[in-house]
Amino acid sequence: RGKRKAAAKPPTRKRMDKLDMVFSCPFCNDRSSVECRIDMET
């Protein structure tokens, strides 16, 4: 006798950790001098 096939589970999405948006400057160590923005439209 064959067993019934298990129902297909929806694929799990990998959770993306939040990326840092503000970085310290490698030259002057100022915390708010380097900023990162991601434009998803282009």
C-alpha atoms as a PDB file:
ATOM      1  CA  ARG A   1       0.000   0.000   0.000  1.00  0.00           C
ATOM      2  CA  GLY A   2       1.247   3.453  -0.850  1.00  0.00           C
ATOM      3  CA  LYS A   3       1.169   6.371   1.532  1.00  0.00           C
ATOM      4  CA  ARG A   4      -0.567   9.584   0.674  1.00  0.00           C
ATOM      5  CA  LYS A   5       1.669  12.372  -0.528  1.00  0.00           C
ATOM      6  CA  ALA A   6       2.080  15.152   2.025  1.00  0.00           C
ATOM      7  CA  ALA A   7       0.619  18.526   1.097  1.00  0.00           C
ATOM      8  CA  ALA A   8       3.228  20.867  -0.368  1.00  0.00           C
ATOM      9  CA  LYS A   9       4.291  23.553   2.086  1.00  0.00           C
ATOM     10  CA  PRO A  10       4.789  27.099   0.772  1.00  0.00           C
ATOM     11  CA  PRO A  11       8.487  28.000   0.509  1.00  0.00           C
ATOM     12  CA  THR A  12       9.822  29.907   3.490  1.00  0.00           C
ATOM     13  CA  ARG A  13      11.205  33.372   2.854  1.00  0.00           C
ATOM     14  CA  LYS A  14      14.598  34.215   4.258  1.00  0.00           C
ATOM     15  CA  ARG A  15      14.371  37.136   6.663  1.00  0.00           C
ATOM     16  CA  MET A  16      16.714  39.921   5.663  1.00  0.00           C
ATOM     17  CA  ASP A  17      18.371  41.687   8.565  1.00  0.00           C
ATOM     18  CA  LYS A  18      18.288  45.467   8.460  1.00  0.00           C
ATOM     19  CA  LEU A  19      21.411  46.955   6.937  1.00  0.00           C
ATOM     20  CA  ASP A  20      23.276  49.835   8.532  1.00  0.00           C
ATOM     21  CA  MET A  21      22.364  53.180   6.990  1.00  0.00           C
ATOM     22  CA  VAL A  22      24.940  55.434   8.673  1.00  0.00           C
ATOM     23  CA  PHE A  23      28.645  54.657   8.783  1.00  0.00           C
ATOM     24  CA  SER A  24      31.596  56.303  10.449  1.00  0.00           C
ATOM     25  CA  CYS A  25      34.027  58.131   8.186  1.00  0.00           C
ATOM     26  CA  PRO A  26      37.343  56.222   7.809  1.00  0.00           C
ATOM     27  CA  PHE A  27      39.278  59.515   7.822  1.00  0.00           C
ATOM     28  CA  CYS A  28      37.736  61.638  10.590  1.00  0.00           C
ATOM     29  CA  ASN A  29      35.675  58.989  12.490  1.00  0.00           C
ATOM     30  CA  ASP A  30      32.604  61.218  12.345  1.00  0.00           C
ATOM     31  CA  ARG A  31      29.563  58.970  12.865  1.00  0.00           C
ATOM     32  CA  SER A  32      27.108  60.955  10.746  1.00  0.00           C
ATOM     33  CA  SER A  33      29.278  61.897   7.765  1.00  0.00           C
ATOM     34  CA  VAL A  34      28.703  58.795   5.597  1.00  0.00           C
ATOM     35  CA  GLU A  35      25.142  57.837   4.727  1.00  0.00           C
ATOM     36  CA  CYS A  36      23.748  55.017   2.585  1.00  0.00           C
ATOM     37  CA  ARG A  37      20.448  55.052   0.674  1.00  0.00           C
ATOM     38  CA  ILE A  38      19.058  52.272  -1.512  1.00  0.00           C
ATOM     39  CA  ASP A  39      16.815  53.273  -4.425  1.00  0.00           C
ATOM     40  CA  MET A  40      14.699  50.231  -5.309  1.00  0.00           C
ATOM     41  CA  GLU A  41      12.993  51.898  -8.298  1.00  0.00           C
ATOM     42  CA  THR A  42      16.000  51.752 -10.645  1.00  0.00           C
END
